[in-house]
Amino acid sequence: MTKLVILPIPSEQFHAHEYDVQACSEMYDMNGVTQINKICEVIDDEVKYEYPLYSIQRNNDGYHYLFLDRSEFQLQSINQVLSYCRLWVQTESIEDVIHYNNR
């Protein structure tokens, strides 16, 4: 099974993670974002930072927003985010992710 790690970046630390904030601002409306979750694959016990995925949380509304291949998903939990990311990493198919979302 694909291993993923979540690296949370709270808004108080955005200044120290300019690259990640910039990457997210290209995908998401950053108004009210309280946390960025950087999701990276783990291969042979080594975190691969080259191609991260990102989810965000806004204004503590309880949702996690995940953007994959021009599709945004509003999810209930970080575990759901991980499931979607794992499927994406394994298949690289937005159709599979959308099918999974609609089940």
PDB file of N, CA and C in Angstrom:
ATOM      1  N   MET A   1       0.842  -1.179   0.000  1.00  0.00           N
ATOM      2  CA  MET A   1       0.000   0.000   0.000  1.00  0.00           C
ATOM      3  C   MET A   1       0.891   1.247   0.000  1.00  0.00           C
ATOM      4  N   THR A   2       0.418   2.259  -0.683  1.00  0.00           N
ATOM      5  CA  THR A   2       1.145   3.522  -0.757  1.00  0.00           C
ATOM      6  C   THR A   2       1.171   4.190   0.608  1.00  0.00           C
ATOM      7  N   LYS A   3       2.348   4.589   1.044  1.00  0.00           N
ATOM      8  CA  LYS A   3       2.494   5.292   2.317  1.00  0.00           C
ATOM      9  C   LYS A   3       2.572   6.788   2.042  1.00  0.00           C
ATOM     10  N   LEU A   4       1.812   7.543   2.836  1.00  0.00           N
ATOM     11  CA  LEU A   4       1.816   8.995   2.738  1.00  0.00           C
ATOM     12  C   LEU A   4       2.050   9.583   4.111  1.00  0.00           C
ATOM     13  N   VAL A   5       2.602  10.777   4.133  1.00  0.00           N
ATOM     14  CA  VAL A   5       2.805  11.499   5.378  1.00  0.00           C
ATOM     15  C   VAL A   5       2.194  12.887   5.211  1.00  0.00           C
ATOM     16  N   ILE A   6       1.603  13.383   6.299  1.00  0.00           N
ATOM     17  CA  ILE A   6       1.020  14.722   6.297  1.00  0.00           C
ATOM     18  C   ILE A   6       1.922  15.633   7.103  1.00  0.00           C
ATOM     19  N   LEU A   7       2.268  16.747   6.496  1.00  0.00           N
ATOM     20  CA  LEU A   7       3.067  17.762   7.176  1.00  0.00           C
ATOM     21  C   LEU A   7       2.190  19.006   7.323  1.00  0.00           C
ATOM     22  N   PRO A   8       1.579  19.199   8.502  1.00  0.00           N
ATOM     23  CA  PRO A   8       0.687  20.344   8.692  1.00  0.00           C
ATOM     24  C   PRO A   8       1.471  21.655   8.780  1.00  0.00           C
ATOM     25  N   ILE A   9       0.940  22.683   8.129  1.00  0.00           N
ATOM     26  CA  ILE A   9       1.540  24.016   8.175  1.00  0.00           C
ATOM     27  C   ILE A   9       0.445  24.984   8.630  1.00  0.00           C
ATOM     28  N   PRO A  10       0.417  25.334   9.927  1.00  0.00           N
ATOM     29  CA  PRO A  10      -0.588  26.284  10.409  1.00  0.00           C
ATOM     30  C   PRO A  10      -0.287  27.697   9.886  1.00  0.00           C
ATOM     31  N   SER A  11      -1.315  28.526   9.837  1.00  0.00           N
ATOM     32  CA  SER A  11      -1.164  29.875   9.265  1.00  0.00           C
ATOM     33  C   SER A  11      -0.070  30.687   9.964  1.00  0.00           C
ATOM     34  N   GLU A  12       0.171  30.419  11.240  1.00  0.00           N
ATOM     35  CA  GLU A  12       1.223  31.147  11.961  1.00  0.00           C
ATOM     36  C   GLU A  12       2.610  30.843  11.387  1.00  0.00           C
ATOM     37  N   GLN A  13       2.747  29.767  10.632  1.00  0.00           N
ATOM     38  CA  GLN A  13       4.041  29.377  10.064  1.00  0.00           C
ATOM     39  C   GLN A  13       4.117  29.587   8.553  1.00  0.00           C
ATOM     40  N   PHE A  14       3.108  30.223   7.952  1.00  0.00           N
ATOM     41  CA  PHE A  14       3.116  30.433   6.502  1.00  0.00           C
ATOM     42  C   PHE A  14       4.363  31.175   6.039  1.00  0.00           C
ATOM     43  N   HIS A  15       4.833  32.123   6.848  1.00  0.00           N
ATOM     44  CA  HIS A  15       6.021  32.907   6.463  1.00  0.00           C
ATOM     45  C   HIS A  15       7.264  32.028   6.289  1.00  0.00           C
ATOM     46  N   ALA A  16       7.312  30.911   6.982  1.00  0.00           N
ATOM     47  CA  ALA A  16       8.478  30.011   6.904  1.00  0.00           C
ATOM     48  C   ALA A  16       8.326  28.964   5.793  1.00  0.00           C
ATOM     49  N   HIS A  17       7.180  28.970   5.125  1.00  0.00           N
ATOM     50  CA  HIS A  17       6.902  27.974   4.076  1.00  0.00           C
ATOM     51  C   HIS A  17       6.386  28.676   2.826  1.00  0.00           C
ATOM     52  N   GLU A  18       7.127  29.678   2.371  1.00  0.00           N
ATOM     53  CA  GLU A  18       6.675  30.507   1.254  1.00  0.00           C
ATOM     54  C   GLU A  18       6.413  29.693  -0.011  1.00  0.00           C
ATOM     55  N   TYR A  19       7.263  28.711  -0.302  1.00  0.00           N
ATOM     56  CA  TYR A  19       7.073  27.898  -1.506  1.00  0.00           C
ATOM     57  C   TYR A  19       5.735  27.160  -1.457  1.00  0.00           C
ATOM     58  N   ASP A  20       5.422  26.551  -0.316  1.00  0.00           N
ATOM     59  CA  ASP A  20       4.178  25.805  -0.176  1.00  0.00           C
ATOM     60  C   ASP A  20       2.966  26.728  -0.243  1.00  0.00           C
ATOM     61  N   VAL A  21       3.055  27.885   0.377  1.00  0.00           N
ATOM     62  CA  VAL A  21       1.956  28.854   0.336  1.00  0.00           C
ATOM     63  C   VAL A  21       1.738  29.317  -1.102  1.00  0.00           C
ATOM     64  N   GLN A  22       2.820  29.593  -1.824  1.00  0.00           N
ATOM     65  CA  GLN A  22       2.714  30.004  -3.221  1.00  0.00           C
ATOM     66  C   GLN A  22       2.084  28.901  -4.064  1.00  0.00           C
ATOM     67  N   ALA A  23       2.519  27.669  -3.872  1.00  0.00           N
ATOM     68  CA  ALA A  23       1.954  26.541  -4.620  1.00  0.00           C
ATOM     69  C   ALA A  23       0.455  26.416  -4.357  1.00  0.00           C
ATOM     70  N   CYS A  24       0.046  26.586  -3.120  1.00  0.00           N
ATOM     71  CA  CYS A  24      -1.374  26.491  -2.780  1.00  0.00           C
ATOM     72  C   CYS A  24      -2.165  27.654  -3.360  1.00  0.00           C
ATOM     73  N   SER A  25      -1.579  28.839  -3.349  1.00  0.00           N
ATOM     74  CA  SER A  25      -2.306  30.012  -3.854  1.00  0.00           C
ATOM     75  C   SER A  25      -2.561  29.908  -5.354  1.00  0.00           C
ATOM     76  N   GLU A  26      -1.810  29.077  -6.048  1.00  0.00           N
ATOM     77  CA  GLU A  26      -2.063  28.856  -7.469  1.00  0.00           C
ATOM     78  C   GLU A  26      -3.259  27.929  -7.684  1.00  0.00           C
ATOM     79  N   MET A  27      -3.649  27.163  -6.664  1.00  0.00           N
ATOM     80  CA  MET A  27      -4.762  26.219  -6.774  1.00  0.00           C
ATOM     81  C   MET A  27      -6.002  26.675  -6.018  1.00  0.00           C
ATOM     82  N   TYR A  28      -5.799  27.301  -4.865  1.00  0.00           N
ATOM     83  CA  TYR A  28      -6.895  27.598  -3.957  1.00  0.00           C
ATOM     84  C   TYR A  28      -7.046  29.096  -3.729  1.00  0.00           C
ATOM     85  N   ASP A  29      -8.275  29.492  -3.377  1.00  0.00           N
ATOM     86  CA  ASP A  29      -8.515  30.823  -2.831  1.00  0.00           C
ATOM     87  C   ASP A  29      -7.999  30.754  -1.390  1.00  0.00           C
ATOM     88  N   MET A  30      -7.004  31.543  -1.078  1.00  0.00           N
ATOM     89  CA  MET A  30      -6.350  31.440   0.230  1.00  0.00           C
ATOM     90  C   MET A  30      -7.013  32.296   1.313  1.00  0.00           C
ATOM     91  N   ASN A  31      -8.095  32.982   0.986  1.00  0.00           N
ATOM     92  CA  ASN A  31      -8.802  33.780   2.000  1.00  0.00           C
ATOM     93  C   ASN A  31      -9.343  32.868   3.094  1.00  0.00           C
ATOM     94  N   GLY A  32      -8.989  33.171   4.319  1.00  0.00           N
ATOM     95  CA  GLY A  32      -9.487  32.422   5.459  1.00  0.00           C
ATOM     96  C   GLY A  32      -8.819  31.081   5.694  1.00  0.00           C
ATOM     97  N   VAL A  33      -7.735  30.784   4.991  1.00  0.00           N
ATOM     98  CA  VAL A  33      -7.058  29.502   5.187  1.00  0.00           C
ATOM     99  C   VAL A  33      -6.335  29.519   6.532  1.00  0.00           C
ATOM    100  N   THR A  34      -6.613  28.511   7.340  1.00  0.00           N
ATOM    101  CA  THR A  34      -5.996  28.422   8.662  1.00  0.00           C
ATOM    102  C   THR A  34      -4.883  27.384   8.712  1.00  0.00           C
ATOM    103  N   GLN A  35      -4.887  26.453   7.740  1.00  0.00           N
ATOM    104  CA  GLN A  35      -3.845  25.433   7.717  1.00  0.00           C
ATOM    105  C   GLN A  35      -3.709  24.846   6.317  1.00  0.00           C
ATOM    106  N   ILE A  36      -2.467  24.580   5.950  1.00  0.00           N
ATOM    107  CA  ILE A  36      -2.138  23.832   4.748  1.00  0.00           C
ATOM    108  C   ILE A  36      -1.628  22.475   5.203  1.00  0.00           C
ATOM    109  N   ASN A  37      -2.088  21.431   4.552  1.00  0.00           N
ATOM    110  CA  ASN A  37      -1.561  20.096   4.817  1.00  0.00           C
ATOM    111  C   ASN A  37      -0.782  19.657   3.587  1.00  0.00           C
ATOM    112  N   LYS A  38       0.515  19.518   3.747  1.00  0.00           N
ATOM    113  CA  LYS A  38       1.382  19.062   2.666  1.00  0.00           C
ATOM    114  C   LYS A  38       1.445  17.546   2.757  1.00  0.00           C
ATOM    115  N   ILE A  39       1.055  16.869   1.678  1.00  0.00           N
ATOM    116  CA  ILE A  39       1.002  15.416   1.679  1.00  0.00           C
ATOM    117  C   ILE A  39       2.079  14.890   0.741  1.00  0.00           C
ATOM    118  N   CYS A  40       2.964  14.070   1.286  1.00  0.00           N
ATOM    119  CA  CYS A  40       4.085  13.541   0.515  1.00  0.00           C
ATOM    120  C   CYS A  40       4.094  12.016   0.580  1.00  0.00           C
ATOM    121  N   GLU A  41       4.578  11.420  -0.489  1.00  0.00           N
ATOM    122  CA  GLU A  41       4.705   9.967  -0.533  1.00  0.00           C
ATOM    123  C   GLU A  41       5.971   9.548   0.224  1.00  0.00           C
ATOM    124  N   VAL A  42       5.911   8.371   0.832  1.00  0.00           N
ATOM    125  CA  VAL A  42       7.052   7.788   1.525  1.00  0.00           C
ATOM    126  C   VAL A  42       7.469   6.531   0.756  1.00  0.00           C
ATOM    127  N   ILE A  43       8.716   6.513   0.290  1.00  0.00           N
ATOM    128  CA  ILE A  43       9.249   5.362  -0.438  1.00  0.00           C
ATOM    129  C   ILE A  43      10.528   4.923   0.250  1.00  0.00           C
ATOM    130  N   ASP A  44      10.592   3.638   0.583  1.00  0.00           N
ATOM    131  CA  ASP A  44      11.755   3.090   1.293  1.00  0.00           C
ATOM    132  C   ASP A  44      12.088   3.905   2.536  1.00  0.00           C
ATOM    133  N   ASP A  45      11.060   4.222   3.296  1.00  0.00           N
ATOM    134  CA  ASP A  45      11.177   4.986   4.543  1.00  0.00           C
ATOM    135  C   ASP A  45      11.758   6.383   4.363  1.00  0.00           C
ATOM    136  N   GLU A  46      11.707   6.915   3.157  1.00  0.00           N
ATOM    137  CA  GLU A  46      12.193   8.265   2.883  1.00  0.00           C
ATOM    138  C   GLU A  46      11.046   9.108   2.325  1.00  0.00           C
ATOM    139  N   VAL A  47      10.825  10.271   2.935  1.00  0.00           N
ATOM    140  CA  VAL A  47       9.774  11.183   2.468  1.00  0.00           C
ATOM    141  C   VAL A  47      10.229  11.837   1.173  1.00  0.00           C
ATOM    142  N   LYS A  48       9.368  11.769   0.151  1.00  0.00           N
ATOM    143  CA  LYS A  48       9.652  12.371  -1.150  1.00  0.00           C
ATOM    144  C   LYS A  48       8.923  13.706  -1.246  1.00  0.00           C
ATOM    145  N   TYR A  49       9.684  14.794  -1.188  1.00  0.00           N
ATOM    146  CA  TYR A  49       9.115  16.130  -1.178  1.00  0.00           C
ATOM    147  C   TYR A  49       8.930  16.721  -2.574  1.00  0.00           C
ATOM    148  N   GLU A  50       9.387  16.019  -3.620  1.00  0.00           N
ATOM    149  CA  GLU A  50       9.434  16.591  -4.961  1.00  0.00           C
ATOM    150  C   GLU A  50       8.057  16.930  -5.526  1.00  0.00           C
ATOM    151  N   TYR A  51       7.078  16.079  -5.299  1.00  0.00           N
ATOM    152  CA  TYR A  51       5.748  16.273  -5.886  1.00  0.00           C
ATOM    153  C   TYR A  51       4.664  16.183  -4.817  1.00  0.00           C
ATOM    154  N   PRO A  52       4.599  17.181  -3.942  1.00  0.00           N
ATOM    155  CA  PRO A  52       3.609  17.109  -2.866  1.00  0.00           C
ATOM    156  C   PRO A  52       2.195  17.380  -3.375  1.00  0.00           C
ATOM    157  N   LEU A  53       1.240  16.895  -2.639  1.00  0.00           N
ATOM    158  CA  LEU A  53      -0.159  17.259  -2.800  1.00  0.00           C
ATOM    159  C   LEU A  53      -0.499  18.146  -1.620  1.00  0.00           C
ATOM    160  N   TYR A  54      -1.505  18.978  -1.775  1.00  0.00           N
ATOM    161  CA  TYR A  54      -1.877  19.889  -0.698  1.00  0.00           C
ATOM    162  C   TYR A  54      -3.378  19.844  -0.457  1.00  0.00           C
ATOM    163  N   SER A  55      -3.744  19.892   0.799  1.00  0.00           N
ATOM    164  CA  SER A  55      -5.126  20.176   1.168  1.00  0.00           C
ATOM    165  C   SER A  55      -5.082  21.394   2.075  1.00  0.00           C
ATOM    166  N   ILE A  56      -6.212  22.063   2.184  1.00  0.00           N
ATOM    167  CA  ILE A  56      -6.274  23.242   3.044  1.00  0.00           C
ATOM    168  C   ILE A  56      -7.490  23.135   3.956  1.00  0.00           C
ATOM    169  N   GLN A  57      -7.442  23.923   5.017  1.00  0.00           N
ATOM    170  CA  GLN A  57      -8.572  24.092   5.920  1.00  0.00           C
ATOM    171  C   GLN A  57      -8.823  25.588   6.023  1.00  0.00           C
ATOM    172  N   ARG A  58     -10.105  25.962   6.001  1.00  0.00           N
ATOM    173  CA  ARG A  58     -10.479  27.374   6.068  1.00  0.00           C
ATOM    174  C   ARG A  58     -11.276  27.651   7.333  1.00  0.00           C
ATOM    175  N   ASN A  59     -10.944  28.736   8.001  1.00  0.00           N
ATOM    176  CA  ASN A  59     -11.739  29.272   9.104  1.00  0.00           C
ATOM    177  C   ASN A  59     -12.314  28.219  10.040  1.00  0.00           C
ATOM    178  N   ASN A  60     -11.591  27.151  10.218  1.00  0.00           N
ATOM    179  CA  ASN A  60     -12.023  26.082  11.127  1.00  0.00           C
ATOM    180  C   ASN A  60     -13.461  25.629  10.873  1.00  0.00           C
ATOM    181  N   ASP A  61     -13.873  25.553   9.595  1.00  0.00           N
ATOM    182  CA  ASP A  61     -15.230  25.111   9.270  1.00  0.00           C
ATOM    183  C   ASP A  61     -15.374  23.598   9.341  1.00  0.00           C
ATOM    184  N   GLY A  62     -14.283  22.915   9.657  1.00  0.00           N
ATOM    185  CA  GLY A  62     -14.339  21.471   9.811  1.00  0.00           C
ATOM    186  C   GLY A  62     -14.075  20.690   8.544  1.00  0.00           C
ATOM    187  N   TYR A  63     -14.002  21.369   7.400  1.00  0.00           N
ATOM    188  CA  TYR A  63     -13.777  20.669   6.140  1.00  0.00           C
ATOM    189  C   TYR A  63     -12.326  20.766   5.709  1.00  0.00           C
ATOM    190  N   HIS A  64     -11.946  19.777   4.935  1.00  0.00           N
ATOM    191  CA  HIS A  64     -10.641  19.753   4.283  1.00  0.00           C
ATOM    192  C   HIS A  64     -10.917  19.864   2.796  1.00  0.00           C
ATOM    193  N   TYR A  65     -10.201  20.751   2.125  1.00  0.00           N
ATOM    194  CA  TYR A  65     -10.383  20.956   0.692  1.00  0.00           C
ATOM    195  C   TYR A  65      -9.153  20.402  -0.023  1.00  0.00           C
ATOM    196  N   LEU A  66      -9.397  19.537  -0.989  1.00  0.00           N
ATOM    197  CA  LEU A  66      -8.326  18.877  -1.722  1.00  0.00           C
ATOM    198  C   LEU A  66      -8.520  19.153  -3.203  1.00  0.00           C
ATOM    199  N   PHE A  67      -7.461  19.616  -3.864  1.00  0.00           N
ATOM    200  CA  PHE A  67      -7.511  19.925  -5.280  1.00  0.00           C
ATOM    201  C   PHE A  67      -6.640  18.928  -6.031  1.00  0.00           C
ATOM    202  N   LEU A  68      -7.262  18.186  -6.956  1.00  0.00           N
ATOM    203  CA  LEU A  68      -6.544  17.217  -7.783  1.00  0.00           C
ATOM    204  C   LEU A  68      -6.960  17.415  -9.239  1.00  0.00           C
ATOM    205  N   ASP A  69      -6.022  17.652 -10.100  1.00  0.00           N
ATOM    206  CA  ASP A  69      -6.274  17.708 -11.539  1.00  0.00           C
ATOM    207  C   ASP A  69      -7.508  18.544 -11.891  1.00  0.00           C
ATOM    208  N   ARG A  70      -7.535  19.774 -11.442  1.00  0.00           N
ATOM    209  CA  ARG A  70      -8.597  20.741 -11.719  1.00  0.00           C
ATOM    210  C   ARG A  70      -9.937  20.393 -11.067  1.00  0.00           C
ATOM    211  N   SER A  71      -9.956  19.478 -10.116  1.00  0.00           N
ATOM    212  CA  SER A  71     -11.170  19.131  -9.382  1.00  0.00           C
ATOM    213  C   SER A  71     -10.930  19.368  -7.899  1.00  0.00           C
ATOM    214  N   GLU A  72     -11.875  20.044  -7.256  1.00  0.00           N
ATOM    215  CA  GLU A  72     -11.750  20.296  -5.818  1.00  0.00           C
ATOM    216  C   GLU A  72     -12.767  19.437  -5.071  1.00  0.00           C
ATOM    217  N   PHE A  73     -12.301  18.815  -3.995  1.00  0.00           N
ATOM    218  CA  PHE A  73     -13.136  17.963  -3.173  1.00  0.00           C
ATOM    219  C   PHE A  73     -13.220  18.558  -1.778  1.00  0.00           C
ATOM    220  N   GLN A  74     -14.447  18.627  -1.245  1.00  0.00           N
ATOM    221  CA  GLN A  74     -14.674  19.066   0.127  1.00  0.00           C
ATOM    222  C   GLN A  74     -14.875  17.811   0.958  1.00  0.00           C
ATOM    223  N   LEU A  75     -13.938  17.560   1.869  1.00  0.00           N
ATOM    224  CA  LEU A  75     -13.922  16.294   2.604  1.00  0.00           C
ATOM    225  C   LEU A  75     -14.107  16.530   4.097  1.00  0.00           C
ATOM    226  N   GLN A  76     -14.590  15.492   4.771  1.00  0.00           N
ATOM    227  CA  GLN A  76     -14.921  15.576   6.191  1.00  0.00           C
ATOM    228  C   GLN A  76     -13.728  15.457   7.126  1.00  0.00           C
ATOM    229  N   SER A  77     -12.684  14.730   6.686  1.00  0.00           N
ATOM    230  CA  SER A  77     -11.588  14.451   7.624  1.00  0.00           C
ATOM    231  C   SER A  77     -10.261  14.337   6.887  1.00  0.00           C
ATOM    232  N   ILE A  78      -9.203  14.419   7.651  1.00  0.00           N
ATOM    233  CA  ILE A  78      -7.866  14.249   7.074  1.00  0.00           C
ATOM    234  C   ILE A  78      -7.682  12.812   6.599  1.00  0.00           C
ATOM    235  N   ASN A  79      -8.373  11.852   7.216  1.00  0.00           N
ATOM    236  CA  ASN A  79      -8.301  10.467   6.752  1.00  0.00           C
ATOM    237  C   ASN A  79      -8.904  10.328   5.362  1.00  0.00           C
ATOM    238  N   GLN A  80      -9.979  11.056   5.084  1.00  0.00           N
ATOM    239  CA  GLN A  80     -10.537  11.051   3.734  1.00  0.00           C
ATOM    240  C   GLN A  80      -9.544  11.656   2.748  1.00  0.00           C
ATOM    241  N   VAL A  81      -8.893  12.742   3.146  1.00  0.00           N
ATOM    242  CA  VAL A  81      -7.878  13.359   2.289  1.00  0.00           C
ATOM    243  C   VAL A  81      -6.806  12.328   1.940  1.00  0.00           C
ATOM    244  N   LEU A  82      -6.349  11.596   2.932  1.00  0.00           N
ATOM    245  CA  LEU A  82      -5.329  10.574   2.690  1.00  0.00           C
ATOM    246  C   LEU A  82      -5.824   9.485   1.742  1.00  0.00           C
ATOM    247  N   SER A  83      -7.067   9.071   1.889  1.00  0.00           N
ATOM    248  CA  SER A  83      -7.625   8.045   0.999  1.00  0.00           C
ATOM    249  C   SER A  83      -7.652   8.531  -0.444  1.00  0.00           C
ATOM    250  N   TYR A  84      -8.088   9.763  -0.646  1.00  0.00           N
ATOM    251  CA  TYR A  84      -8.135  10.331  -1.994  1.00  0.00           C
ATOM    252  C   TYR A  84      -6.727  10.485  -2.568  1.00  0.00           C
ATOM    253  N   CYS A  85      -5.816  10.964  -1.756  1.00  0.00           N
ATOM    254  CA  CYS A  85      -4.429  11.137  -2.214  1.00  0.00           C
ATOM    255  C   CYS A  85      -3.788   9.795  -2.544  1.00  0.00           C
ATOM    256  N   ARG A  86      -4.041   8.803  -1.721  1.00  0.00           N
ATOM    257  CA  ARG A  86      -3.486   7.461  -1.959  1.00  0.00           C
ATOM    258  C   ARG A  86      -3.994   6.920  -3.298  1.00  0.00           C
ATOM    259  N   LEU A  87      -5.295   7.060  -3.551  1.00  0.00           N
ATOM    260  CA  LEU A  87      -5.868   6.604  -4.819  1.00  0.00           C
ATOM    261  C   LEU A  87      -5.254   7.375  -5.989  1.00  0.00           C
ATOM    262  N   TRP A  88      -5.082   8.674  -5.821  1.00  0.00           N
ATOM    263  CA  TRP A  88      -4.479   9.501  -6.867  1.00  0.00           C
ATOM    264  C   TRP A  88      -3.039   9.060  -7.170  1.00  0.00           C
ATOM    265  N   VAL A  89      -2.260   8.835  -6.130  1.00  0.00           N
ATOM    266  CA  VAL A  89      -0.863   8.423  -6.309  1.00  0.00           C
ATOM    267  C   VAL A  89      -0.792   7.054  -6.989  1.00  0.00           C
ATOM    268  N   GLN A  90      -1.696   6.169  -6.620  1.00  0.00           N
ATOM    269  CA  GLN A  90      -1.672   4.817  -7.179  1.00  0.00           C
ATOM    270  C   GLN A  90      -2.152   4.767  -8.623  1.00  0.00           C
ATOM    271  N   THR A  91      -3.166   5.564  -8.972  1.00  0.00           N
ATOM    272  CA  THR A  91      -3.778   5.450 -10.300  1.00  0.00           C
ATOM    273  C   THR A  91      -3.479   6.621 -11.229  1.00  0.00           C
ATOM    274  N   GLU A  92      -3.190   7.802 -10.644  1.00  0.00           N
ATOM    275  CA  GLU A  92      -3.036   9.043 -11.415  1.00  0.00           C
ATOM    276  C   GLU A  92      -4.222   9.255 -12.353  1.00  0.00           C
ATOM    277  N   SER A  93      -5.403   8.865 -11.896  1.00  0.00           N
ATOM    278  CA  SER A  93      -6.622   8.964 -12.699  1.00  0.00           C
ATOM    279  C   SER A  93      -7.677   9.765 -11.946  1.00  0.00           C
ATOM    280  N   ILE A  94      -7.994  10.953 -12.456  1.00  0.00           N
ATOM    281  CA  ILE A  94      -9.035  11.752 -11.809  1.00  0.00           C
ATOM    282  C   ILE A  94     -10.383  11.052 -11.930  1.00  0.00           C
ATOM    283  N   GLU A  95     -10.579  10.291 -12.983  1.00  0.00           N
ATOM    284  CA  GLU A  95     -11.835   9.549 -13.144  1.00  0.00           C
ATOM    285  C   GLU A  95     -12.016   8.553 -12.002  1.00  0.00           C
ATOM    286  N   ASP A  96     -10.949   7.862 -11.612  1.00  0.00           N
ATOM    287  CA  ASP A  96     -11.022   6.929 -10.491  1.00  0.00           C
ATOM    288  C   ASP A  96     -11.339   7.653  -9.188  1.00  0.00           C
ATOM    289  N   VAL A  97     -10.750   8.828  -9.007  1.00  0.00           N
ATOM    290  CA  VAL A  97     -11.000   9.600  -7.781  1.00  0.00           C
ATOM    291  C   VAL A  97     -12.452  10.094  -7.769  1.00  0.00           C
ATOM    292  N   ILE A  98     -12.941  10.585  -8.901  1.00  0.00           N
ATOM    293  CA  ILE A  98     -14.333  11.059  -8.972  1.00  0.00           C
ATOM    294  C   ILE A  98     -15.286   9.890  -8.743  1.00  0.00           C
ATOM    295  N   HIS A  99     -15.009   8.741  -9.331  1.00  0.00           N
ATOM    296  CA  HIS A  99     -15.835   7.550  -9.109  1.00  0.00           C
ATOM    297  C   HIS A  99     -15.844   7.179  -7.620  1.00  0.00           C
ATOM    298  N   TYR A 100     -14.679   7.209  -6.992  1.00  0.00           N
ATOM    299  CA  TYR A 100     -14.560   6.923  -5.562  1.00  0.00           C
ATOM    300  C   TYR A 100     -15.377   7.930  -4.753  1.00  0.00           C
ATOM    301  N   ASN A 101     -15.344   9.201  -5.156  1.00  0.00           N
ATOM    302  CA  ASN A 101     -16.077  10.263  -4.477  1.00  0.00           C
ATOM    303  C   ASN A 101     -17.587  10.062  -4.592  1.00  0.00           C
ATOM    304  N   ASN A 102     -18.037   9.552  -5.710  1.00  0.00           N
ATOM    305  CA  ASN A 102     -19.482   9.410  -5.962  1.00  0.00           C
ATOM    306  C   ASN A 102     -20.072   8.112  -5.434  1.00  0.00           C
ATOM    307  N   ARG A 103     -19.250   7.264  -4.860  1.00  0.00           N
ATOM    308  CA  ARG A 103     -19.783   5.972  -4.389  1.00  0.00           C
ATOM    309  C   ARG A 103     -20.591   6.135  -3.134  1.00  0.00           C
TER     310      ARG A 103
END
